[in-house]
N, C-alpha and C. Protein backbone atom coordinates (compact mmCIF):
# COMPACT_ATOMS: atom_id res chain seq x y z
N MET A 1 23.70 31.02 8.67
CA MET A 1 22.44 31.33 8.18
C MET A 1 21.81 30.64 6.98
N GLU A 2 23.21 30.42 6.09
CA GLU A 2 23.30 29.32 4.92
C GLU A 2 22.43 27.66 5.38
N ASP A 3 23.08 27.40 6.53
CA ASP A 3 22.41 25.87 6.66
C ASP A 3 21.02 26.12 7.11
N LEU A 4 20.80 26.95 7.70
CA LEU A 4 19.03 27.92 8.28
C LEU A 4 18.02 27.57 7.29
N LYS A 5 18.82 28.00 6.22
CA LYS A 5 17.68 28.34 5.19
C LYS A 5 17.45 27.14 3.79
N TYR A 6 18.75 26.44 4.17
CA TYR A 6 18.80 24.85 3.49
C TYR A 6 17.38 24.15 4.19
N ILE A 7 17.81 24.30 5.61
CA ILE A 7 16.90 23.41 6.44
C ILE A 7 15.74 23.66 6.54
N VAL A 8 15.17 24.66 6.36
CA VAL A 8 13.43 24.98 6.98
C VAL A 8 13.83 24.70 5.03
N SER A 9 14.11 25.16 4.13
CA SER A 9 13.93 24.88 3.11
C SER A 9 13.28 23.09 2.48
N LYS A 10 13.70 22.19 3.04
CA LYS A 10 13.80 21.23 3.13
C LYS A 10 12.44 20.90 3.69
N ASN A 11 12.22 21.17 5.26
CA ASN A 11 11.45 21.01 5.75
C ASN A 11 9.93 21.11 4.96
N MET A 12 10.07 22.49 4.95
CA MET A 12 8.64 23.05 3.90
C MET A 12 8.51 22.65 2.76
N ILE A 13 9.23 21.83 1.96
CA ILE A 13 9.16 21.12 0.99
C ILE A 13 8.48 19.90 1.34
N ASN A 14 9.17 19.03 2.48
CA ASN A 14 8.81 17.51 2.68
C ASN A 14 6.91 18.01 3.57
N LEU A 15 6.97 18.89 3.78
CA LEU A 15 5.58 18.93 4.66
C LEU A 15 4.74 19.28 3.56
N ARG A 16 5.06 20.04 2.51
CA ARG A 16 3.98 20.88 1.66
C ARG A 16 3.99 19.39 1.07
N THR A 17 4.26 18.86 0.63
CA THR A 17 4.36 17.52 -0.32
C THR A 17 3.77 16.70 0.12
N LEU A 18 3.64 16.14 1.23
CA LEU A 18 3.18 15.24 2.43
C LEU A 18 1.98 15.60 3.06
N ASN A 19 1.50 16.92 2.41
CA ASN A 19 0.10 17.73 2.86
C ASN A 19 -0.34 18.00 1.74
N ARG A 20 0.37 17.02 0.83
CA ARG A 20 -0.59 16.91 -0.77
C ARG A 20 -0.96 18.25 -1.18
N MET A 21 -0.11 19.64 -0.98
CA MET A 21 -0.53 20.91 -1.19
C MET A 21 0.53 21.55 -2.19
N THR A 22 -0.07 22.47 -3.01
CA THR A 22 0.59 22.97 -3.77
C THR A 22 1.37 24.35 -3.79
N GLN A 23 2.46 24.89 -4.33
CA GLN A 23 2.92 25.90 -3.46
C GLN A 23 1.84 27.13 -3.48
N PHE A 24 1.16 26.98 -4.30
CA PHE A 24 0.05 28.22 -4.16
C PHE A 24 -1.17 28.04 -3.61
N GLU A 25 -1.11 26.71 -3.20
CA GLU A 25 -2.56 26.27 -2.09
C GLU A 25 -1.70 27.03 -0.64
N LEU A 26 -0.20 26.91 -0.60
CA LEU A 26 0.23 26.90 0.71
C LEU A 26 0.53 28.55 0.78
N GLY A 27 0.91 29.19 -0.27
CA GLY A 27 0.68 30.57 -0.27
C GLY A 27 -0.78 31.41 -0.02
N GLU A 28 -1.70 30.93 -0.43
CA GLU A 28 -2.82 31.09 0.20
C GLU A 28 -3.32 31.09 2.00
N LYS A 29 -2.97 29.92 2.09
CA LYS A 29 -3.17 29.53 3.31
C LYS A 29 -2.19 30.29 4.20
N LEU A 30 -1.59 30.86 3.74
CA LEU A 30 -0.51 31.98 4.69
C LEU A 30 -0.70 33.37 4.19
N ASN A 31 -1.75 33.89 3.47
CA ASN A 31 -1.70 34.98 2.48
C ASN A 31 -0.10 35.62 2.27
N TYR A 32 0.66 34.76 1.42
CA TYR A 32 1.83 34.97 0.78
C TYR A 32 1.87 34.73 -0.65
N SER A 33 2.37 34.70 -1.82
CA SER A 33 1.96 34.58 -2.73
C SER A 33 2.86 33.19 -3.30
N ASP A 34 2.31 32.44 -4.01
CA ASP A 34 3.19 31.35 -4.63
C ASP A 34 4.87 31.58 -4.65
N LYS A 35 4.90 32.86 -5.37
CA LYS A 35 6.35 33.29 -5.86
C LYS A 35 7.00 33.39 -4.05
N ALA A 36 6.92 34.15 -3.31
CA ALA A 36 7.52 33.82 -2.01
C ALA A 36 7.80 32.40 -1.39
N ILE A 37 6.52 31.52 -1.20
CA ILE A 37 6.70 30.51 -0.82
C ILE A 37 7.88 29.53 -1.87
N SER A 38 7.64 29.67 -3.21
CA SER A 38 9.03 29.26 -4.10
C SER A 38 10.35 29.97 -3.61
N LYS A 39 10.59 30.93 -3.51
CA LYS A 39 11.41 31.65 -3.00
C LYS A 39 11.94 31.06 -1.39
N TRP A 40 11.37 30.65 -0.61
CA TRP A 40 11.81 29.77 0.46
C TRP A 40 12.08 28.30 0.30
N GLU A 41 11.84 28.20 -0.52
CA GLU A 41 11.63 26.53 -0.58
C GLU A 41 12.90 26.35 -1.74
N ARG A 42 13.22 27.77 -2.84
CA ARG A 42 14.91 26.93 -3.09
C ARG A 42 15.69 27.91 -2.01
N ALA A 43 15.75 27.75 -1.09
CA ALA A 43 16.58 28.54 0.01
C ALA A 43 17.16 29.67 -0.20
N GLU A 44 16.47 30.81 -0.59
CA GLU A 44 16.89 32.08 -1.26
C GLU A 44 16.44 32.83 -0.13
N ALA A 45 15.65 32.94 0.61
CA ALA A 45 15.45 33.79 1.99
C ALA A 45 15.02 32.27 3.43
N VAL A 46 14.35 33.06 3.80
CA VAL A 46 14.23 31.97 5.40
C VAL A 46 12.65 33.04 5.81
N PRO A 47 11.65 32.60 5.91
CA PRO A 47 10.25 33.26 6.24
C PRO A 47 10.30 33.70 7.60
N ASP A 48 9.62 34.85 7.73
CA ASP A 48 9.80 35.09 9.33
C ASP A 48 9.64 34.33 10.53
N ALA A 49 9.42 34.84 11.59
CA ALA A 49 8.99 34.13 13.00
C ALA A 49 7.77 34.13 12.64
N TYR A 50 6.75 34.89 12.23
CA TYR A 50 5.24 34.98 12.25
C TYR A 50 4.93 33.40 11.50
N ILE A 51 5.30 33.82 10.36
CA ILE A 51 5.65 32.73 9.00
C ILE A 51 5.81 31.47 9.67
N LEU A 52 6.76 31.10 10.62
CA LEU A 52 7.01 29.98 10.47
C LEU A 52 6.03 29.47 12.06
N LYS A 53 5.71 30.36 12.71
CA LYS A 53 4.73 30.10 13.54
C LYS A 53 3.06 29.23 13.01
N GLN A 54 3.02 30.09 12.39
CA GLN A 54 2.04 29.58 11.13
C GLN A 54 2.25 28.67 10.43
N MET A 55 2.71 28.19 9.71
CA MET A 55 3.19 26.98 9.15
C MET A 55 3.28 25.96 10.36
N SER A 56 3.91 26.05 11.76
CA SER A 56 4.23 24.94 12.44
C SER A 56 2.34 24.87 12.98
N GLU A 57 1.52 25.53 12.73
CA GLU A 57 0.00 25.50 13.20
C GLU A 57 -0.56 24.98 11.89
N LEU A 58 -0.40 24.68 10.97
CA LEU A 58 -0.88 24.69 9.72
C LEU A 58 -0.72 23.38 9.39
N PHE A 59 0.70 22.56 9.45
CA PHE A 59 1.34 21.30 9.53
C PHE A 59 1.65 20.37 11.22
N HIS A 60 0.44 20.96 11.68
CA HIS A 60 1.10 20.49 13.48
C HIS A 60 2.30 19.88 13.50
N VAL A 61 3.41 20.62 13.83
CA VAL A 61 4.32 20.42 14.40
C VAL A 61 5.45 21.67 14.79
N SER A 62 6.24 21.54 15.54
CA SER A 62 6.63 22.67 16.17
C SER A 62 7.51 23.49 15.44
N VAL A 63 8.10 24.97 16.03
CA VAL A 63 8.36 25.83 14.94
C VAL A 63 10.21 24.88 15.09
N ASP A 64 10.37 24.15 16.27
CA ASP A 64 11.41 24.11 16.36
C ASP A 64 11.84 22.83 15.32
N TYR A 65 10.38 22.32 14.54
CA TYR A 65 10.73 20.94 13.84
C TYR A 65 11.07 21.69 12.33
N LEU A 66 10.76 22.80 12.16
CA LEU A 66 10.98 23.36 11.08
C LEU A 66 11.94 24.11 11.14
N LEU A 67 12.93 24.44 12.11
CA LEU A 67 14.05 24.72 12.08
C LEU A 67 15.41 23.53 12.03
N SER A 68 15.00 22.54 11.79
CA SER A 68 16.04 21.37 12.75
C SER A 68 15.95 20.42 11.46
N ASP A 69 17.34 20.14 11.60
CA ASP A 69 17.33 18.57 10.03
C ASP A 69 16.47 17.96 10.89
N HIS A 70 15.97 16.93 10.17
CA HIS A 70 15.51 15.44 10.60
C HIS A 70 15.89 14.24 9.73
N SER A 71 16.32 13.60 10.44
CA SER A 71 16.77 12.36 9.80
C SER A 71 15.63 11.42 9.06
N GLU A 72 15.30 10.07 8.52
CA GLU A 72 14.19 9.65 8.15
C GLU A 72 13.60 9.02 8.83
N GLU A 73 14.40 7.99 10.15
CA GLU A 73 13.32 7.75 10.87
C GLU A 73 12.56 9.20 12.31
N GLU A 74 13.61 9.77 12.02
CA GLU A 74 12.69 11.24 12.52
C GLU A 74 11.19 11.21 11.78
N LYS A 75 11.38 11.36 10.47
CA LYS A 75 10.34 11.67 9.98
C LYS A 75 9.29 10.65 9.86
N LYS A 76 9.44 9.74 9.87
CA LYS A 76 8.51 8.61 10.03
C LYS A 76 8.12 9.08 11.08
N ALA A 77 8.54 8.72 12.47
CA ALA A 77 7.91 8.74 13.51
C ALA A 77 6.87 9.68 13.99
N ALA A 78 6.98 11.15 13.20
CA ALA A 78 6.67 12.62 13.22
C ALA A 78 5.42 12.11 12.37
N PHE A 79 5.31 11.51 11.69
CA PHE A 79 4.14 11.43 10.21
C PHE A 79 3.62 9.83 10.07
N PRO A 80 3.42 8.99 11.25
CA PRO A 80 3.36 7.80 11.26
C PRO A 80 1.90 6.97 10.40
N GLN A 81 1.17 8.50 9.86
CA GLN A 81 -0.35 8.17 9.08
C GLN A 81 0.58 7.65 7.72
N HIS A 82 1.61 8.61 7.39
CA HIS A 82 1.77 8.29 5.89
C HIS A 82 2.16 7.00 6.07
N ASN A 83 2.80 5.95 6.56
CA ASN A 83 2.98 5.13 6.97
C ASN A 83 2.22 4.08 6.47
N ASN A 84 1.04 4.16 6.98
CA ASN A 84 -0.63 3.67 7.36
C ASN A 84 -1.04 3.65 6.18
N TYR A 85 -0.87 4.84 5.50
CA TYR A 85 -1.81 4.97 3.94
C TYR A 85 -0.86 3.69 2.92
N LEU A 86 0.50 3.94 3.13
CA LEU A 86 0.88 2.75 2.36
C LEU A 86 0.35 1.42 2.93
N THR A 87 0.35 1.05 4.03
CA THR A 87 -0.30 -0.09 4.30
C THR A 87 -1.68 -0.68 4.31
N ILE A 88 -2.90 0.40 4.14
CA ILE A 88 -3.69 -0.02 3.94
C ILE A 88 -4.27 -0.11 2.40
N THR A 89 -3.08 0.75 1.71
CA THR A 89 -3.02 0.76 0.02
C THR A 89 -2.41 -0.82 -0.38
N LYS A 90 -1.78 -1.43 0.49
CA LYS A 90 -1.46 -2.50 -0.14
C LYS A 90 -2.41 -3.65 0.53
N ILE A 91 -2.87 -3.33 1.73
CA ILE A 91 -3.83 -4.67 2.18
C ILE A 91 -5.02 -4.62 1.23
N SER A 92 -5.50 -3.42 0.77
CA SER A 92 -6.55 -3.65 -0.07
C SER A 92 -6.16 -4.31 -1.31
N VAL A 93 -5.19 -3.85 -2.18
CA VAL A 93 -4.77 -4.36 -3.22
C VAL A 93 -4.48 -5.92 -2.98
N LEU A 94 -4.16 -6.57 -1.89
CA LEU A 94 -3.69 -7.84 -1.81
C LEU A 94 -5.04 -8.31 -1.10
N GLY A 95 -6.41 -7.64 -0.62
CA GLY A 95 -7.85 -8.33 -0.22
C GLY A 95 -8.59 -8.43 -1.96
N VAL A 96 -8.45 -7.05 -2.80
CA VAL A 96 -8.67 -7.62 -4.01
C VAL A 96 -8.15 -9.53 -4.45
N TRP A 97 -6.94 -9.73 -4.76
CA TRP A 97 -6.43 -10.62 -4.82
C TRP A 97 -7.14 -11.88 -4.69
N THR A 98 -7.04 -11.71 -3.11
CA THR A 98 -7.59 -13.17 -1.85
C THR A 98 -8.85 -13.17 -2.54
N LEU A 99 -9.83 -12.56 -2.73
CA LEU A 99 -10.87 -12.42 -3.09
C LEU A 99 -11.27 -13.49 -4.30
N THR A 100 -10.29 -12.55 -5.51
CA THR A 100 -10.42 -13.39 -6.73
C THR A 100 -9.87 -14.95 -6.68
N LEU A 101 -8.87 -15.36 -5.81
CA LEU A 101 -8.59 -16.48 -5.22
C LEU A 101 -9.73 -17.20 -4.92
N LEU A 102 -10.05 -16.60 -3.75
CA LEU A 102 -11.59 -17.36 -2.90
C LEU A 102 -12.48 -17.66 -3.95
N VAL A 103 -12.84 -16.88 -5.14
CA VAL A 103 -13.73 -16.91 -5.70
C VAL A 103 -13.25 -18.14 -6.97
N PHE A 104 -12.14 -17.85 -7.29
CA PHE A 104 -11.74 -18.95 -8.29
C PHE A 104 -11.90 -20.41 -7.61
N ILE A 105 -10.99 -20.75 -6.40
CA ILE A 105 -11.27 -21.94 -5.97
C ILE A 105 -12.54 -22.34 -5.17
N ALA A 106 -13.46 -21.84 -5.22
CA ALA A 106 -15.08 -21.99 -5.44
C ALA A 106 -15.69 -22.92 -6.41
N PHE A 107 -14.78 -21.93 -7.52
CA PHE A 107 -15.23 -22.52 -9.30
C PHE A 107 -14.78 -23.57 -9.76
N TRP A 108 -13.30 -23.65 -8.81
CA TRP A 108 -12.59 -25.02 -9.20
C TRP A 108 -13.18 -26.69 -8.63
N ILE A 109 -13.94 -26.12 -7.13
CA ILE A 109 -14.22 -26.74 -6.56
C ILE A 109 -15.91 -27.57 -7.50
N LEU A 110 -16.58 -26.69 -7.72
CA LEU A 110 -17.69 -27.26 -8.14
C LEU A 110 -17.19 -27.24 -9.74
N GLY A 111 -15.98 -27.42 -9.87
CA GLY A 111 -15.63 -28.13 -11.39
C GLY A 111 -15.71 -27.06 -12.73
N ARG A 112 -15.83 -25.65 -12.29
CA ARG A 112 -15.92 -24.96 -13.20
C ARG A 112 -14.21 -23.88 -13.13
N ALA A 113 -13.23 -24.02 -13.35
CA ALA A 113 -12.43 -23.45 -13.14
C ALA A 113 -12.12 -22.28 -13.89
N GLN A 114 -12.30 -20.96 -13.28
CA GLN A 114 -12.52 -19.72 -14.48
C GLN A 114 -11.03 -19.14 -13.97
N TRP A 115 -9.60 -19.17 -15.16
CA TRP A 115 -8.80 -18.51 -14.73
C TRP A 115 -8.70 -17.05 -15.34
N LEU A 116 -9.78 -16.94 -16.04
CA LEU A 116 -9.92 -15.62 -16.54
C LEU A 116 -11.03 -14.83 -15.54
N LEU A 117 -10.95 -15.18 -13.97
CA LEU A 117 -10.81 -14.58 -13.04
C LEU A 117 -9.74 -13.62 -12.56
N PHE A 118 -8.49 -14.24 -12.71
CA PHE A 118 -7.09 -13.18 -12.22
C PHE A 118 -7.07 -12.73 -13.62
N VAL A 119 -7.35 -12.01 -14.60
CA VAL A 119 -7.44 -11.45 -15.49
C VAL A 119 -8.18 -10.07 -14.89
N TYR A 120 -9.66 -10.28 -14.42
CA TYR A 120 -10.32 -9.74 -14.32
C TYR A 120 -9.95 -8.54 -13.12
N ALA A 121 -8.95 -9.16 -12.12
CA ALA A 121 -8.49 -8.75 -11.23
C ALA A 121 -7.47 -7.62 -11.36
N VAL A 122 -6.91 -8.12 -12.66
CA VAL A 122 -5.57 -6.69 -12.53
C VAL A 122 -6.82 -5.73 -12.52
N PRO A 123 -7.74 -4.83 -13.35
CA PRO A 123 -8.18 -3.88 -13.89
C PRO A 123 -8.43 -3.67 -12.33
N VAL A 124 -9.35 -4.19 -11.14
CA VAL A 124 -10.31 -4.15 -10.46
C VAL A 124 -8.94 -3.46 -9.47
N SER A 125 -7.57 -4.14 -9.37
CA SER A 125 -7.10 -3.91 -8.64
C SER A 125 -6.08 -2.69 -8.54
N LEU A 126 -6.57 -1.95 -10.05
CA LEU A 126 -5.62 -0.82 -10.35
C LEU A 126 -6.98 -0.04 -10.19
N ILE A 127 -8.27 0.23 -10.11
CA ILE A 127 -9.15 0.70 -9.78
C ILE A 127 -9.18 1.25 -8.58
N VAL A 128 -8.87 -0.01 -7.37
CA VAL A 128 -8.56 0.47 -6.06
C VAL A 128 -7.28 1.11 -5.86
N LEU A 129 -6.11 0.75 -6.32
CA LEU A 129 -4.65 1.25 -6.63
C LEU A 129 -4.59 3.22 -7.03
N LEU A 130 -5.86 3.25 -7.69
CA LEU A 130 -6.26 4.76 -8.07
C LEU A 130 -6.43 5.36 -7.32
N VAL A 131 -7.84 4.78 -6.96
CA VAL A 131 -8.50 5.29 -5.95
C VAL A 131 -7.74 6.34 -4.74
N LEU A 132 -7.30 5.19 -3.84
CA LEU A 132 -6.14 5.26 -2.73
C LEU A 132 -4.87 6.00 -2.85
N ASN A 133 -4.34 6.21 -4.29
CA ASN A 133 -3.24 6.77 -4.64
C ASN A 133 -3.88 8.54 -4.90
N SER A 134 -5.50 8.50 -5.12
CA SER A 134 -5.43 9.97 -5.41
C SER A 134 -6.08 10.38 -3.89
N ILE A 135 -6.43 9.33 -2.89
CA ILE A 135 -6.78 10.58 -1.87
C ILE A 135 -5.31 10.74 -0.90
N TRP A 136 -4.62 9.21 -0.76
CA TRP A 136 -3.02 9.28 0.12
C TRP A 136 -2.02 9.62 -0.91
N GLY A 137 -1.45 9.44 -2.05
CA GLY A 137 -0.58 8.92 -2.46
C GLY A 137 -0.27 10.36 -3.41
N ASN A 138 0.96 10.46 -4.23
CA ASN A 138 1.69 11.29 -4.92
C ASN A 138 0.69 11.38 -6.63
N ARG A 139 0.22 11.74 -6.69
CA ARG A 139 -1.19 11.94 -7.79
C ARG A 139 -0.22 11.58 -8.81
N ARG A 140 0.91 11.91 -9.11
CA ARG A 140 1.81 12.38 -10.52
C ARG A 140 1.52 10.85 -10.76
N ASN A 141 1.84 9.92 -9.58
CA ASN A 141 1.71 8.20 -10.04
C ASN A 141 0.41 7.81 -10.76
N ASN A 142 -0.45 8.72 -10.62
CA ASN A 142 -2.11 8.24 -11.43
C ASN A 142 -2.12 8.05 -12.70
N PHE A 143 -1.06 8.88 -13.86
CA PHE A 143 -0.36 8.72 -15.05
C PHE A 143 -0.42 7.49 -15.35
N TYR A 144 0.94 6.91 -14.37
CA TYR A 144 1.24 5.27 -14.56
C TYR A 144 -0.08 4.57 -14.45
N ILE A 145 -0.59 4.61 -13.31
CA ILE A 145 -1.62 3.73 -12.74
C ILE A 145 -3.18 4.03 -13.90
N ILE A 146 -3.61 5.24 -14.47
CA ILE A 146 -4.46 5.09 -15.54
C ILE A 146 -3.68 4.24 -16.90
N SER A 147 -2.94 4.60 -16.81
CA SER A 147 -2.01 4.06 -18.37
C SER A 147 -2.13 2.26 -18.14
N ALA A 148 -1.89 2.08 -17.20
CA ALA A 148 -1.84 0.71 -15.91
C ALA A 148 -3.55 0.14 -16.63
N LEU A 149 -3.93 0.88 -16.30
CA LEU A 149 -5.61 0.57 -16.16
C LEU A 149 -6.21 0.39 -17.62
N VAL A 150 -6.00 1.46 -18.93
CA VAL A 150 -6.42 1.53 -19.97
C VAL A 150 -5.84 0.34 -20.94
N TRP A 151 -4.64 -0.20 -20.48
CA TRP A 151 -4.21 -1.52 -21.25
C TRP A 151 -4.31 -2.53 -20.49
N GLY A 152 -4.90 -2.26 -19.40
CA GLY A 152 -5.61 -4.15 -18.36
C GLY A 152 -6.92 -4.03 -18.93
N ILE A 153 -7.58 -3.19 -18.76
CA ILE A 153 -8.92 -3.26 -19.99
C ILE A 153 -8.91 -3.40 -21.20
N ILE A 154 -8.32 -3.54 -21.78
CA ILE A 154 -7.75 -3.47 -23.32
C ILE A 154 -7.94 -5.45 -22.70
N ALA A 155 -6.22 -5.35 -22.31
CA ALA A 155 -6.20 -7.18 -22.24
C ALA A 155 -7.15 -7.50 -21.55
N THR A 156 -8.12 -7.32 -21.07
CA THR A 156 -9.03 -7.89 -20.35
C THR A 156 -9.87 -8.79 -21.55
N VAL A 157 -10.82 -7.68 -22.25
CA VAL A 157 -11.73 -7.93 -22.94
C VAL A 157 -11.20 -8.55 -24.14
N TYR A 158 -9.49 -8.60 -24.65
CA TYR A 158 -9.16 -9.50 -25.57
C TYR A 158 -8.86 -10.62 -24.99
N LEU A 159 -8.28 -10.83 -24.03
CA LEU A 159 -8.99 -12.51 -23.42
C LEU A 159 -9.74 -12.95 -22.90
N SER A 160 -10.92 -12.08 -22.92
CA SER A 160 -12.58 -12.54 -22.49
C SER A 160 -13.12 -13.32 -24.02
N PHE A 161 -12.50 -12.49 -24.87
CA PHE A 161 -13.22 -13.03 -26.11
C PHE A 161 -12.00 -13.68 -27.45
N LEU A 162 -11.32 -14.30 -26.02
CA LEU A 162 -9.83 -14.97 -27.26
C LEU A 162 -10.46 -15.70 -28.74
N GLN A 163 -11.58 -15.85 -28.17
CA GLN A 163 -12.12 -16.76 -29.76
C GLN A 163 -12.36 -16.12 -30.27
N HIS A 164 -12.41 -14.89 -30.63
CA HIS A 164 -12.35 -14.50 -31.42
C HIS A 164 -11.83 -13.28 -32.71
N ASN A 165 -10.45 -13.50 -31.68
CA ASN A 165 -8.92 -12.76 -32.33
C ASN A 165 -9.05 -11.27 -32.47
N TRP A 166 -9.64 -10.42 -31.26
CA TRP A 166 -10.12 -9.21 -31.63
C TRP A 166 -8.68 -8.81 -31.78
N TRP A 167 -7.77 -8.94 -31.83
CA TRP A 167 -6.24 -8.21 -31.36
C TRP A 167 -5.98 -7.05 -32.18
N LEU A 168 -7.59 -6.27 -33.53
CA LEU A 168 -7.14 -5.19 -33.21
C LEU A 168 -7.50 -4.17 -32.13
N LEU A 169 -7.95 -4.71 -31.05
CA LEU A 169 -8.61 -3.86 -29.95
C LEU A 169 -7.04 -2.94 -29.36
N PHE A 170 -6.18 -3.53 -29.57
CA PHE A 170 -4.52 -2.96 -29.20
C PHE A 170 -4.98 -1.85 -29.48
N SER A 171 -5.12 -1.21 -30.45
CA SER A 171 -4.83 -0.29 -31.44
C SER A 171 -5.67 0.82 -30.74
N LEU A 172 -6.61 0.67 -29.99
CA LEU A 172 -7.33 1.42 -29.21
C LEU A 172 -6.43 2.05 -28.04
N GLY A 173 -5.94 1.53 -27.61
CA GLY A 173 -5.03 1.82 -26.71
C GLY A 173 -3.66 3.01 -26.68
N ILE A 174 -3.30 3.08 -28.32
CA ILE A 174 -2.54 4.13 -28.54
C ILE A 174 -3.40 5.55 -28.27
N PRO A 175 -4.44 6.13 -29.04
CA PRO A 175 -4.92 7.23 -29.29
C PRO A 175 -5.54 7.18 -27.97
N ALA A 176 -5.45 6.41 -26.42
CA ALA A 176 -5.95 6.73 -25.11
C ALA A 176 -4.93 6.72 -24.41
N GLN A 177 -3.90 6.21 -24.93
CA GLN A 177 -2.48 7.06 -24.17
C GLN A 177 -2.12 8.01 -24.43
N VAL A 178 -2.19 9.12 -25.78
CA VAL A 178 -2.25 10.05 -26.22
C VAL A 178 -2.74 10.75 -25.10
N ILE A 179 -4.46 10.94 -24.97
CA ILE A 179 -5.48 11.39 -24.25
C ILE A 179 -5.16 11.34 -22.98
N ILE A 180 -4.68 10.19 -22.67
CA ILE A 180 -4.11 10.48 -20.76
C ILE A 180 -2.79 11.16 -20.65
N TYR A 181 -1.53 11.12 -21.93
CA TYR A 181 -0.96 11.98 -21.86
C TYR A 181 -1.12 13.66 -21.81
N LEU A 182 -1.91 14.19 -22.58
CA LEU A 182 -2.73 14.83 -22.53
C LEU A 182 -3.19 15.41 -21.61
N CYS A 183 -4.36 15.08 -21.04
CA CYS A 183 -4.87 15.26 -19.66
C CYS A 183 -3.79 15.43 -18.94
N PHE A 184 -3.19 14.98 -18.52
CA PHE A 184 -2.05 15.42 -17.28
C PHE A 184 -1.17 16.82 -17.80
N LYS A 185 -0.83 16.88 -18.97
CA LYS A 185 -0.14 18.15 -19.30
C LYS A 185 -0.94 19.12 -18.78
N ILE A 186 -2.22 19.40 -18.78
CA ILE A 186 -3.18 20.18 -18.08
C ILE A 186 -2.58 20.61 -17.09
N ARG A 187 -2.70 21.51 -16.46
CA ARG A 187 -2.25 22.00 -15.55
C ARG A 187 -3.08 23.57 -14.53
N GLY A 188 -3.37 23.50 -13.50
CA GLY A 188 -4.18 24.24 -12.98
C GLY A 188 -2.84 25.34 -12.41
N LYS A 189 -3.60 26.36 -11.25
CA LYS A 189 -2.45 26.97 -10.90
C LYS A 189 -1.40 26.43 -9.99
N GLU A 190 -0.41 25.92 -10.11
CA GLU A 190 0.48 25.59 -9.35
C GLU A 190 1.88 26.12 -9.54
N ASN A 191 2.42 25.63 -8.33
CA ASN A 191 4.15 27.02 -8.59
C ASN A 191 4.04 27.79 -9.06
């Protein structure tokens, strides 16, 4: 019975996080408290058959899937869309860089090579990554993406006006980083 608690716990955590749900949100859908969800996920108890059935319908898996141990390959086969999200994200970011290279080549052919295009591609890539990560990815990674975006924008402005030597622009990054950190410390109802 102990093994079953851990198996169900692991499967619940995987399915909940894969569906980007908090314990509170899952509890609302199952008409249970987030504390009950937490108890199940800590393997202190196993949900009854009715709740397992509800979870199987909610996550589009069988009850057997919830009660069985799975290898990583089985998980990938059960949730192919998760792999597609990562591939789409990579294609999108690569698309930004391909377009940048295309524009650079066009300017180069015209005799006006603009190396700054590659600098501008950095924040654009980060914006694409932020949007797609917000939709499909782990939202905790947004902290790192937004931080990189702020520093990338500051670096882009600095490099765009390099002749003016506006190195003090980088001092704006410090309070911006503190604000980003504090914003990510604000939490709604979770766990």
